[in-house]
Amino acid sequence: MISQICGRLVYKSPHEIVVDVQGIGYGVKVPLSTFYELPGIGEEVLLQVHTYVREDTLHLYGFLTQKEKELFCLLIGVSGVGPRLAISVLSGISAQDLERALKDGDLFSLTRIPGVGRKTAERMLVELKDKVVAPETAAVNGIQGKGGMVKDALSALVNLGYTKGMAEQAIRDVMREKGDDLSLEQLLKESLRLLARP
């Protein structure tokens, strides 16, 4: 599976770009948010990539940020949301605003995205509300430490299926016990150890 592409940008349009990697041109579908930030033709570009494979289809979807890629993967996991609609969603709303809308249950903001009807928006809210962390929750209910790391740890634990409350409590307990000098890997490992206790 291709997870990342780094090469020379040889073609770009609002829906698809071509990246030359040592003579091989990879066609990559991108959201508008990525398209707007692309460098000029002939310059180097680094994309986070999701490889989408079905019986008769193989497409690459590219994003400038890991956050957009993560949201794309969450979106295509929603019943009735395919890659094309997921790209439309990320083209119609910023990653930060999408996270906030999902976390706050903001149906109005979601239905304003082109291609997203009320039923699809409701499914997105039901299936993703507990899987995203709103941008302002980087510091978890008063947990001191590296805000970005705490946010990443919380997001990872929620994506593994733990509730937000359980994940927050585990992170809080680990940081109280071990201090806030832990790496992200250490914080996750210790938090999972606590969560695995009967």
N, C-alpha and C. Protein backbone atom coordinates (compact mmCIF):
# COMPACT_ATOMS: atom_id res chain seq x y z
N MET A 1 0.84 -1.19 0.00
CA MET A 1 0.00 0.00 0.00
C MET A 1 0.88 1.25 0.00
N ILE A 2 0.54 2.22 -0.83
CA ILE A 2 1.29 3.48 -0.88
C ILE A 2 0.72 4.40 0.20
N SER A 3 1.59 4.88 1.10
CA SER A 3 1.15 5.75 2.20
C SER A 3 1.67 7.17 2.07
N GLN A 4 2.69 7.35 1.24
CA GLN A 4 3.28 8.69 1.09
C GLN A 4 3.96 8.76 -0.27
N ILE A 5 3.89 9.93 -0.87
CA ILE A 5 4.57 10.15 -2.15
C ILE A 5 5.36 11.46 -2.07
N CYS A 6 6.60 11.38 -2.50
CA CYS A 6 7.43 12.58 -2.59
C CYS A 6 8.04 12.61 -3.98
N GLY A 7 7.80 13.68 -4.71
CA GLY A 7 8.33 13.77 -6.06
C GLY A 7 8.09 15.14 -6.65
N ARG A 8 8.27 15.24 -7.97
CA ARG A 8 8.13 16.51 -8.68
C ARG A 8 6.72 16.63 -9.23
N LEU A 9 6.08 17.76 -8.94
CA LEU A 9 4.73 18.01 -9.42
C LEU A 9 4.79 18.35 -10.91
N VAL A 10 4.15 17.52 -11.75
CA VAL A 10 4.22 17.75 -13.20
C VAL A 10 2.88 18.19 -13.79
N TYR A 11 1.81 18.01 -13.04
CA TYR A 11 0.49 18.43 -13.52
C TYR A 11 -0.40 18.65 -12.32
N LYS A 12 -1.23 19.69 -12.39
CA LYS A 12 -2.21 19.86 -11.33
C LYS A 12 -3.50 20.46 -11.86
N SER A 13 -4.60 19.94 -11.35
CA SER A 13 -5.93 20.47 -11.62
C SER A 13 -6.67 20.40 -10.30
N PRO A 14 -7.83 21.04 -10.19
CA PRO A 14 -8.54 21.03 -8.91
C PRO A 14 -8.93 19.65 -8.39
N HIS A 15 -8.90 18.62 -9.25
CA HIS A 15 -9.35 17.31 -8.81
C HIS A 15 -8.25 16.26 -8.79
N GLU A 16 -7.25 16.43 -9.62
CA GLU A 16 -6.21 15.42 -9.70
C GLU A 16 -4.88 16.06 -10.06
N ILE A 17 -3.82 15.51 -9.50
CA ILE A 17 -2.49 15.98 -9.81
C ILE A 17 -1.64 14.77 -10.24
N VAL A 18 -0.50 15.05 -10.87
CA VAL A 18 0.43 13.99 -11.23
C VAL A 18 1.78 14.33 -10.60
N VAL A 19 2.31 13.36 -9.87
CA VAL A 19 3.61 13.52 -9.21
C VAL A 19 4.59 12.55 -9.85
N ASP A 20 5.71 13.08 -10.34
CA ASP A 20 6.74 12.27 -10.96
C ASP A 20 7.71 11.79 -9.88
N VAL A 21 7.78 10.47 -9.71
CA VAL A 21 8.71 9.88 -8.75
C VAL A 21 9.68 9.00 -9.54
N GLN A 22 10.85 9.52 -9.79
CA GLN A 22 11.90 8.80 -10.54
C GLN A 22 11.38 8.25 -11.86
N GLY A 23 10.69 9.11 -12.60
CA GLY A 23 10.23 8.75 -13.93
C GLY A 23 8.86 8.11 -14.00
N ILE A 24 8.27 7.79 -12.86
CA ILE A 24 6.91 7.22 -12.85
C ILE A 24 5.93 8.29 -12.40
N GLY A 25 4.90 8.54 -13.20
CA GLY A 25 3.90 9.56 -12.86
C GLY A 25 2.73 8.96 -12.13
N TYR A 26 2.55 9.38 -10.88
CA TYR A 26 1.42 8.90 -10.07
C TYR A 26 0.28 9.90 -10.13
N GLY A 27 -0.89 9.44 -10.59
CA GLY A 27 -2.08 10.28 -10.56
C GLY A 27 -2.71 10.22 -9.18
N VAL A 28 -2.89 11.37 -8.56
CA VAL A 28 -3.39 11.43 -7.19
C VAL A 28 -4.57 12.39 -7.13
N LYS A 29 -5.68 11.92 -6.61
CA LYS A 29 -6.86 12.78 -6.43
C LYS A 29 -6.69 13.54 -5.11
N VAL A 30 -6.99 14.84 -5.15
CA VAL A 30 -6.78 15.69 -3.97
C VAL A 30 -8.00 16.56 -3.69
N PRO A 31 -8.23 16.92 -2.42
CA PRO A 31 -9.28 17.89 -2.12
C PRO A 31 -8.79 19.30 -2.46
N LEU A 32 -9.71 20.24 -2.56
CA LEU A 32 -9.33 21.62 -2.87
C LEU A 32 -8.39 22.21 -1.83
N SER A 33 -8.57 21.81 -0.56
CA SER A 33 -7.72 22.35 0.50
C SER A 33 -6.25 22.03 0.23
N THR A 34 -5.98 20.86 -0.33
CA THR A 34 -4.61 20.49 -0.70
C THR A 34 -4.21 21.19 -1.99
N PHE A 35 -5.11 21.23 -2.97
CA PHE A 35 -4.81 21.86 -4.25
C PHE A 35 -4.35 23.31 -4.09
N TYR A 36 -5.04 24.06 -3.21
CA TYR A 36 -4.72 25.48 -3.02
C TYR A 36 -3.30 25.68 -2.47
N GLU A 37 -2.80 24.68 -1.74
CA GLU A 37 -1.49 24.83 -1.08
C GLU A 37 -0.35 24.18 -1.85
N LEU A 38 -0.64 23.63 -3.02
CA LEU A 38 0.41 22.95 -3.78
C LEU A 38 1.47 23.92 -4.29
N PRO A 39 2.72 23.46 -4.42
CA PRO A 39 3.75 24.30 -5.02
C PRO A 39 3.54 24.40 -6.53
N GLY A 40 4.40 25.13 -7.21
CA GLY A 40 4.27 25.28 -8.65
C GLY A 40 4.71 24.04 -9.40
N ILE A 41 4.33 23.98 -10.69
CA ILE A 41 4.73 22.86 -11.55
C ILE A 41 6.25 22.79 -11.59
N GLY A 42 6.78 21.58 -11.47
CA GLY A 42 8.23 21.38 -11.49
C GLY A 42 8.87 21.38 -10.11
N GLU A 43 8.11 21.80 -9.09
CA GLU A 43 8.64 21.81 -7.73
C GLU A 43 8.32 20.50 -7.03
N GLU A 44 9.06 20.25 -5.95
CA GLU A 44 8.86 19.01 -5.19
C GLU A 44 7.65 19.13 -4.26
N VAL A 45 6.93 18.02 -4.13
CA VAL A 45 5.77 17.99 -3.26
C VAL A 45 5.79 16.69 -2.44
N LEU A 46 5.34 16.78 -1.21
CA LEU A 46 5.23 15.61 -0.33
C LEU A 46 3.77 15.45 0.06
N LEU A 47 3.20 14.29 -0.23
CA LEU A 47 1.78 14.05 0.07
C LEU A 47 1.61 12.82 0.95
N GLN A 48 0.68 12.92 1.90
CA GLN A 48 0.22 11.76 2.65
C GLN A 48 -0.85 11.10 1.78
N VAL A 49 -0.73 9.80 1.56
CA VAL A 49 -1.57 9.14 0.57
C VAL A 49 -2.39 8.00 1.18
N HIS A 50 -3.65 7.91 0.73
CA HIS A 50 -4.48 6.76 1.04
C HIS A 50 -4.70 5.99 -0.26
N THR A 51 -4.37 4.70 -0.26
CA THR A 51 -4.57 3.85 -1.43
C THR A 51 -5.93 3.18 -1.31
N TYR A 52 -6.80 3.47 -2.24
CA TYR A 52 -8.16 2.92 -2.22
C TYR A 52 -8.27 1.83 -3.28
N VAL A 53 -8.51 0.60 -2.84
CA VAL A 53 -8.56 -0.54 -3.75
C VAL A 53 -9.90 -1.25 -3.64
N ARG A 54 -10.53 -1.47 -4.78
CA ARG A 54 -11.72 -2.31 -4.88
C ARG A 54 -11.50 -3.26 -6.05
N GLU A 55 -12.45 -4.16 -6.31
CA GLU A 55 -12.24 -5.17 -7.36
C GLU A 55 -11.79 -4.56 -8.68
N ASP A 56 -12.42 -3.49 -9.09
CA ASP A 56 -12.12 -2.91 -10.40
C ASP A 56 -11.52 -1.52 -10.31
N THR A 57 -11.05 -1.12 -9.14
CA THR A 57 -10.59 0.25 -8.94
C THR A 57 -9.34 0.30 -8.07
N LEU A 58 -8.42 1.15 -8.48
CA LEU A 58 -7.28 1.48 -7.62
C LEU A 58 -7.01 2.98 -7.79
N HIS A 59 -7.26 3.75 -6.73
CA HIS A 59 -7.05 5.19 -6.77
C HIS A 59 -6.16 5.61 -5.62
N LEU A 60 -5.39 6.65 -5.86
CA LEU A 60 -4.59 7.27 -4.80
C LEU A 60 -5.23 8.60 -4.44
N TYR A 61 -5.40 8.83 -3.13
CA TYR A 61 -5.94 10.09 -2.64
C TYR A 61 -4.85 10.75 -1.79
N GLY A 62 -4.52 12.00 -2.13
CA GLY A 62 -3.39 12.65 -1.47
C GLY A 62 -3.78 13.88 -0.67
N PHE A 63 -3.01 14.11 0.40
CA PHE A 63 -3.28 15.21 1.32
C PHE A 63 -1.97 15.81 1.79
N LEU A 64 -1.96 17.12 1.98
CA LEU A 64 -0.74 17.76 2.47
C LEU A 64 -0.52 17.51 3.95
N THR A 65 -1.60 17.23 4.70
CA THR A 65 -1.45 17.01 6.13
C THR A 65 -1.96 15.64 6.53
N GLN A 66 -1.37 15.11 7.58
CA GLN A 66 -1.81 13.82 8.12
C GLN A 66 -3.23 13.92 8.66
N LYS A 67 -3.57 15.09 9.22
CA LYS A 67 -4.92 15.28 9.77
C LYS A 67 -5.98 15.10 8.69
N GLU A 68 -5.77 15.67 7.50
CA GLU A 68 -6.75 15.50 6.42
C GLU A 68 -6.86 14.04 6.01
N LYS A 69 -5.74 13.37 5.95
CA LYS A 69 -5.76 11.95 5.59
C LYS A 69 -6.56 11.14 6.62
N GLU A 70 -6.34 11.43 7.90
CA GLU A 70 -7.07 10.73 8.96
C GLU A 70 -8.57 10.96 8.84
N LEU A 71 -8.96 12.22 8.59
CA LEU A 71 -10.38 12.54 8.45
C LEU A 71 -10.98 11.84 7.22
N PHE A 72 -10.21 11.80 6.13
CA PHE A 72 -10.67 11.11 4.92
C PHE A 72 -10.96 9.64 5.24
N CYS A 73 -10.03 9.00 5.94
CA CYS A 73 -10.20 7.58 6.29
C CYS A 73 -11.42 7.37 7.19
N LEU A 74 -11.65 8.30 8.11
CA LEU A 74 -12.85 8.21 8.96
C LEU A 74 -14.12 8.38 8.12
N LEU A 75 -14.10 9.34 7.21
CA LEU A 75 -15.27 9.62 6.39
C LEU A 75 -15.66 8.44 5.52
N ILE A 76 -14.68 7.78 4.88
CA ILE A 76 -15.04 6.67 3.99
C ILE A 76 -15.49 5.44 4.78
N GLY A 77 -15.32 5.48 6.09
CA GLY A 77 -15.83 4.41 6.93
C GLY A 77 -17.30 4.59 7.29
N VAL A 78 -17.84 5.75 6.97
CA VAL A 78 -19.26 6.03 7.26
C VAL A 78 -20.13 5.39 6.18
N SER A 79 -21.18 4.74 6.59
CA SER A 79 -22.11 4.11 5.65
C SER A 79 -22.62 5.13 4.64
N GLY A 80 -22.46 4.81 3.36
CA GLY A 80 -22.96 5.69 2.31
C GLY A 80 -22.00 6.78 1.88
N VAL A 81 -20.80 6.85 2.50
CA VAL A 81 -19.82 7.87 2.11
C VAL A 81 -18.64 7.17 1.43
N GLY A 82 -18.49 7.44 0.15
CA GLY A 82 -17.37 6.89 -0.60
C GLY A 82 -16.25 7.90 -0.72
N PRO A 83 -15.16 7.53 -1.38
CA PRO A 83 -14.02 8.44 -1.52
C PRO A 83 -14.35 9.76 -2.21
N ARG A 84 -15.21 9.69 -3.24
CA ARG A 84 -15.55 10.92 -3.97
C ARG A 84 -16.25 11.92 -3.06
N LEU A 85 -17.20 11.44 -2.26
CA LEU A 85 -17.90 12.35 -1.34
C LEU A 85 -16.97 12.82 -0.23
N ALA A 86 -16.10 11.92 0.25
CA ALA A 86 -15.15 12.32 1.30
C ALA A 86 -14.24 13.44 0.82
N ILE A 87 -13.79 13.36 -0.44
CA ILE A 87 -12.96 14.43 -1.02
C ILE A 87 -13.78 15.71 -1.13
N SER A 88 -15.05 15.60 -1.51
CA SER A 88 -15.92 16.78 -1.58
C SER A 88 -16.09 17.43 -0.22
N VAL A 89 -16.25 16.60 0.82
CA VAL A 89 -16.39 17.13 2.17
C VAL A 89 -15.14 17.92 2.56
N LEU A 90 -13.96 17.35 2.32
CA LEU A 90 -12.71 18.02 2.69
C LEU A 90 -12.43 19.23 1.79
N SER A 91 -13.08 19.27 0.63
CA SER A 91 -12.95 20.44 -0.24
C SER A 91 -13.89 21.56 0.21
N GLY A 92 -14.97 21.18 0.91
CA GLY A 92 -15.99 22.16 1.27
C GLY A 92 -15.88 22.71 2.68
N ILE A 93 -15.00 22.14 3.50
CA ILE A 93 -14.86 22.60 4.88
C ILE A 93 -13.44 22.27 5.34
N SER A 94 -12.85 23.15 6.14
CA SER A 94 -11.49 22.88 6.61
C SER A 94 -11.49 21.72 7.59
N ALA A 95 -10.35 21.06 7.73
CA ALA A 95 -10.24 19.93 8.66
C ALA A 95 -10.63 20.35 10.07
N GLN A 96 -10.17 21.51 10.47
CA GLN A 96 -10.46 22.01 11.82
C GLN A 96 -11.96 22.25 12.01
N ASP A 97 -12.59 22.87 11.03
CA ASP A 97 -14.03 23.13 11.14
C ASP A 97 -14.85 21.84 11.07
N LEU A 98 -14.37 20.86 10.29
CA LEU A 98 -15.07 19.58 10.20
C LEU A 98 -15.01 18.86 11.55
N GLU A 99 -13.84 18.84 12.17
CA GLU A 99 -13.70 18.22 13.48
C GLU A 99 -14.64 18.87 14.49
N ARG A 100 -14.67 20.20 14.46
CA ARG A 100 -15.51 20.93 15.41
C ARG A 100 -16.99 20.63 15.17
N ALA A 101 -17.40 20.62 13.89
CA ALA A 101 -18.80 20.35 13.55
C ALA A 101 -19.21 18.94 14.00
N LEU A 102 -18.34 17.97 13.78
CA LEU A 102 -18.65 16.60 14.19
C LEU A 102 -18.72 16.48 15.71
N LYS A 103 -17.79 17.13 16.39
CA LYS A 103 -17.75 17.03 17.85
C LYS A 103 -18.95 17.74 18.48
N ASP A 104 -19.34 18.89 17.88
CA ASP A 104 -20.44 19.67 18.45
C ASP A 104 -21.82 19.22 17.97
N GLY A 105 -21.85 18.25 17.05
CA GLY A 105 -23.14 17.82 16.51
C GLY A 105 -23.79 18.88 15.64
N ASP A 106 -22.97 19.65 14.92
CA ASP A 106 -23.44 20.78 14.12
C ASP A 106 -23.96 20.31 12.75
N LEU A 107 -25.21 19.89 12.73
CA LEU A 107 -25.82 19.38 11.51
C LEU A 107 -25.88 20.44 10.41
N PHE A 108 -26.14 21.69 10.80
CA PHE A 108 -26.27 22.77 9.82
C PHE A 108 -24.98 22.95 9.02
N SER A 109 -23.83 22.97 9.71
CA SER A 109 -22.56 23.15 9.01
C SER A 109 -22.27 22.00 8.05
N LEU A 110 -22.62 20.80 8.45
CA LEU A 110 -22.37 19.64 7.60
C LEU A 110 -23.26 19.64 6.36
N THR A 111 -24.53 20.03 6.52
CA THR A 111 -25.44 20.03 5.36
C THR A 111 -25.15 21.17 4.39
N ARG A 112 -24.33 22.13 4.80
CA ARG A 112 -23.93 23.21 3.88
C ARG A 112 -22.83 22.77 2.93
N ILE A 113 -22.21 21.61 3.20
CA ILE A 113 -21.15 21.10 2.33
C ILE A 113 -21.79 20.52 1.07
N PRO A 114 -21.33 20.92 -0.11
CA PRO A 114 -21.92 20.40 -1.35
C PRO A 114 -21.88 18.87 -1.40
N GLY A 115 -23.03 18.27 -1.71
CA GLY A 115 -23.11 16.82 -1.83
C GLY A 115 -23.54 16.11 -0.56
N VAL A 116 -23.58 16.84 0.56
CA VAL A 116 -23.94 16.22 1.84
C VAL A 116 -25.39 16.59 2.18
N GLY A 117 -26.26 15.60 2.12
CA GLY A 117 -27.66 15.82 2.49
C GLY A 117 -27.85 15.60 3.98
N ARG A 118 -29.08 15.81 4.42
CA ARG A 118 -29.37 15.69 5.85
C ARG A 118 -29.11 14.29 6.39
N LYS A 119 -29.54 13.26 5.65
CA LYS A 119 -29.35 11.89 6.13
C LYS A 119 -27.87 11.52 6.22
N THR A 120 -27.10 11.92 5.23
CA THR A 120 -25.66 11.64 5.26
C THR A 120 -25.01 12.38 6.42
N ALA A 121 -25.39 13.63 6.62
CA ALA A 121 -24.83 14.41 7.73
C ALA A 121 -25.17 13.76 9.07
N GLU A 122 -26.39 13.28 9.20
CA GLU A 122 -26.79 12.62 10.45
C GLU A 122 -25.98 11.35 10.69
N ARG A 123 -25.74 10.58 9.62
CA ARG A 123 -24.92 9.37 9.76
C ARG A 123 -23.49 9.74 10.16
N MET A 124 -22.96 10.79 9.56
CA MET A 124 -21.61 11.23 9.91
C MET A 124 -21.52 11.59 11.39
N LEU A 125 -22.53 12.30 11.88
CA LEU A 125 -22.54 12.69 13.29
C LEU A 125 -22.60 11.48 14.21
N VAL A 126 -23.50 10.55 13.88
CA VAL A 126 -23.68 9.37 14.74
C VAL A 126 -22.41 8.51 14.76
N GLU A 127 -21.82 8.30 13.56
CA GLU A 127 -20.70 7.37 13.46
C GLU A 127 -19.35 7.98 13.82
N LEU A 128 -19.22 9.31 13.72
CA LEU A 128 -17.90 9.92 13.91
C LEU A 128 -17.77 10.81 15.15
N LYS A 129 -18.87 11.13 15.79
CA LYS A 129 -18.81 12.10 16.89
C LYS A 129 -17.78 11.71 17.95
N ASP A 130 -17.71 10.44 18.30
CA ASP A 130 -16.77 10.01 19.34
C ASP A 130 -15.40 9.64 18.79
N LYS A 131 -15.21 9.79 17.48
CA LYS A 131 -13.92 9.42 16.89
C LYS A 131 -13.04 10.61 16.57
N VAL A 132 -13.58 11.81 16.74
CA VAL A 132 -12.77 13.00 16.48
C VAL A 132 -12.59 13.79 17.76
N VAL A 133 -11.51 14.55 17.79
CA VAL A 133 -11.22 15.42 18.93
C VAL A 133 -11.30 16.84 18.42
N ALA A 134 -12.18 17.63 19.01
CA ALA A 134 -12.32 19.03 18.58
C ALA A 134 -11.00 19.76 18.79
N PRO A 135 -10.64 20.69 17.90
CA PRO A 135 -9.35 21.36 17.96
C PRO A 135 -9.04 22.00 19.31
N GLU A 136 -10.07 22.53 19.98
CA GLU A 136 -9.79 23.24 21.22
C GLU A 136 -9.54 22.32 22.40
N THR A 137 -9.61 20.98 22.19
CA THR A 137 -9.40 20.07 23.31
C THR A 137 -7.97 19.54 23.35
N ALA A 138 -7.02 20.34 22.84
CA ALA A 138 -5.63 19.90 22.85
C ALA A 138 -5.15 19.66 24.27
N ALA A 139 -5.56 20.49 25.20
CA ALA A 139 -5.26 20.22 26.60
C ALA A 139 -6.51 19.56 27.19
N VAL A 140 -6.35 18.37 27.70
CA VAL A 140 -7.50 17.57 28.09
C VAL A 140 -7.91 17.89 29.52
N ASN A 141 -9.03 18.64 29.64
CA ASN A 141 -9.58 18.93 30.97
C ASN A 141 -8.53 19.22 32.03
N GLY A 142 -7.64 20.16 31.72
CA GLY A 142 -6.69 20.57 32.73
C GLY A 142 -5.41 19.76 32.79
N ILE A 143 -5.25 18.75 31.90
CA ILE A 143 -4.00 17.99 31.89
C ILE A 143 -2.88 18.92 31.43
N GLN A 144 -1.83 18.97 32.20
CA GLN A 144 -0.70 19.81 31.82
C GLN A 144 0.25 18.97 30.95
N GLY A 145 1.00 19.62 30.11
CA GLY A 145 1.97 18.91 29.28
C GLY A 145 1.95 19.44 27.87
N LYS A 146 2.52 18.69 26.97
CA LYS A 146 2.60 19.11 25.58
C LYS A 146 1.24 18.93 24.95
N GLY A 147 0.54 20.04 24.69
CA GLY A 147 -0.83 19.97 24.22
C GLY A 147 -1.03 19.12 22.98
N GLY A 148 -0.12 19.28 21.97
CA GLY A 148 -0.24 18.52 20.74
C GLY A 148 -0.11 17.03 20.99
N MET A 149 0.81 16.66 21.88
CA MET A 149 1.01 15.25 22.19
C MET A 149 -0.21 14.67 22.89
N VAL A 150 -0.76 15.41 23.84
CA VAL A 150 -1.94 14.95 24.56
C VAL A 150 -3.11 14.78 23.59
N LYS A 151 -3.26 15.73 22.68
CA LYS A 151 -4.34 15.65 21.69
C LYS A 151 -4.15 14.43 20.79
N ASP A 152 -2.91 14.18 20.35
CA ASP A 152 -2.64 13.03 19.49
C ASP A 152 -2.91 11.72 20.22
N ALA A 153 -2.51 11.66 21.49
CA ALA A 153 -2.73 10.44 22.28
C ALA A 153 -4.23 10.19 22.46
N LEU A 154 -4.96 11.25 22.78
CA LEU A 154 -6.40 11.12 22.97
C LEU A 154 -7.07 10.66 21.68
N SER A 155 -6.67 11.26 20.56
CA SER A 155 -7.24 10.90 19.26
C SER A 155 -6.96 9.43 18.94
N ALA A 156 -5.73 8.99 19.21
CA ALA A 156 -5.37 7.60 18.92
C ALA A 156 -6.19 6.63 19.76
N LEU A 157 -6.37 6.93 21.04
CA LEU A 157 -7.12 6.04 21.91
C LEU A 157 -8.60 5.99 21.52
N VAL A 158 -9.16 7.15 21.16
CA VAL A 158 -10.56 7.19 20.72
C VAL A 158 -10.73 6.39 19.43
N ASN A 159 -9.75 6.52 18.51
CA ASN A 159 -9.82 5.77 17.25
C ASN A 159 -9.68 4.27 17.47
N LEU A 160 -9.06 3.87 18.58
CA LEU A 160 -8.95 2.46 18.91
C LEU A 160 -10.24 1.90 19.52
N GLY A 161 -11.19 2.81 19.81
CA GLY A 161 -12.48 2.35 20.30
C GLY A 161 -12.80 2.69 21.74
N TYR A 162 -11.86 3.33 22.45
CA TYR A 162 -12.13 3.73 23.83
C TYR A 162 -12.97 5.00 23.82
N THR A 163 -13.81 5.16 24.83
CA THR A 163 -14.60 6.38 24.91
C THR A 163 -13.68 7.54 25.27
N LYS A 164 -14.11 8.75 24.93
CA LYS A 164 -13.31 9.93 25.22
C LYS A 164 -13.03 10.06 26.71
N GLY A 165 -14.05 9.77 27.53
CA GLY A 165 -13.88 9.88 28.98
C GLY A 165 -12.86 8.90 29.52
N MET A 166 -12.93 7.64 29.06
CA MET A 166 -11.96 6.63 29.49
C MET A 166 -10.55 7.01 29.07
N ALA A 167 -10.41 7.49 27.82
CA ALA A 167 -9.09 7.86 27.31
C ALA A 167 -8.51 9.04 28.09
N GLU A 168 -9.35 10.05 28.35
CA GLU A 168 -8.89 11.20 29.12
C GLU A 168 -8.42 10.79 30.51
N GLN A 169 -9.18 9.92 31.16
CA GLN A 169 -8.83 9.48 32.51
C GLN A 169 -7.50 8.72 32.50
N ALA A 170 -7.32 7.85 31.51
CA ALA A 170 -6.07 7.09 31.43
C ALA A 170 -4.87 8.02 31.21
N ILE A 171 -5.02 8.98 30.30
CA ILE A 171 -3.94 9.93 30.04
C ILE A 171 -3.62 10.74 31.28
N ARG A 172 -4.68 11.19 31.96
CA ARG A 172 -4.50 11.98 33.18
C ARG A 172 -3.75 11.17 34.24
N ASP A 173 -4.14 9.91 34.42
CA ASP A 173 -3.51 9.05 35.42
C ASP A 173 -2.04 8.79 35.09
N VAL A 174 -1.75 8.54 33.81
CA VAL A 174 -0.37 8.28 33.40
C VAL A 174 0.50 9.51 33.63
N MET A 175 -0.01 10.68 33.27
CA MET A 175 0.79 11.90 33.40
C MET A 175 0.97 12.28 34.87
N ARG A 176 -0.02 11.94 35.69
CA ARG A 176 0.11 12.20 37.13
C ARG A 176 1.19 11.28 37.72
N GLU A 177 1.20 10.03 37.24
CA GLU A 177 2.12 9.04 37.79
C GLU A 177 3.53 9.17 37.22
N LYS A 178 3.63 9.43 35.92
CA LYS A 178 4.94 9.41 35.24
C LYS A 178 5.49 10.79 34.92
N GLY A 179 4.68 11.84 35.10
CA GLY A 179 5.13 13.17 34.73
C GLY A 179 4.79 13.48 33.29
N ASP A 180 5.15 14.69 32.83
CA ASP A 180 4.78 15.08 31.46
C ASP A 180 5.97 15.10 30.51
N ASP A 181 7.04 14.37 30.87
CA ASP A 181 8.21 14.30 29.99
C ASP A 181 8.16 13.08 29.08
N LEU A 182 7.03 12.40 29.05
CA LEU A 182 6.88 11.20 28.23
C LEU A 182 6.82 11.56 26.74
N SER A 183 7.30 10.62 25.91
CA SER A 183 7.09 10.76 24.47
C SER A 183 5.66 10.30 24.16
N LEU A 184 5.20 10.58 22.96
CA LEU A 184 3.86 10.14 22.56
C LEU A 184 3.74 8.62 22.66
N GLU A 185 4.79 7.92 22.20
CA GLU A 185 4.77 6.45 22.23
C GLU A 185 4.66 5.94 23.67
N GLN A 186 5.42 6.56 24.59
CA GLN A 186 5.37 6.14 26.00
C GLN A 186 4.00 6.42 26.60
N LEU A 187 3.46 7.60 26.29
CA LEU A 187 2.14 7.97 26.82
C LEU A 187 1.07 7.00 26.34
N LEU A 188 1.12 6.64 25.06
CA LEU A 188 0.15 5.68 24.53
C LEU A 188 0.32 4.30 25.16
N LYS A 189 1.55 3.86 25.26
CA LYS A 189 1.82 2.53 25.82
C LYS A 189 1.32 2.42 27.26
N GLU A 190 1.62 3.44 28.06
CA GLU A 190 1.20 3.43 29.47
C GLU A 190 -0.31 3.57 29.60
N SER A 191 -0.91 4.39 28.74
CA SER A 191 -2.36 4.57 28.78
C SER A 191 -3.08 3.28 28.41
N LEU A 192 -2.57 2.59 27.38
CA LEU A 192 -3.17 1.32 26.97
C LEU A 192 -3.01 0.26 28.06
N ARG A 193 -1.89 0.31 28.77
CA ARG A 193 -1.67 -0.63 29.86
C ARG A 193 -2.73 -0.42 30.96
N LEU A 194 -3.00 0.86 31.27
CA LEU A 194 -4.03 1.15 32.27
C LEU A 194 -5.42 0.73 31.79
N LEU A 195 -5.71 1.02 30.52
CA LEU A 195 -7.03 0.71 29.98
C LEU A 195 -7.27 -0.79 29.87
N ALA A 196 -6.19 -1.57 29.79
CA ALA A 196 -6.33 -3.02 29.66
C ALA A 196 -6.58 -3.71 31.00
N ARG A 197 -6.41 -2.97 32.08
CA ARG A 197 -6.65 -3.57 33.39
C ARG A 197 -8.12 -3.92 33.55
N PRO A 198 -8.41 -5.08 34.18
CA PRO A 198 -9.82 -5.47 34.37
C PRO A 198 -10.52 -4.56 35.35
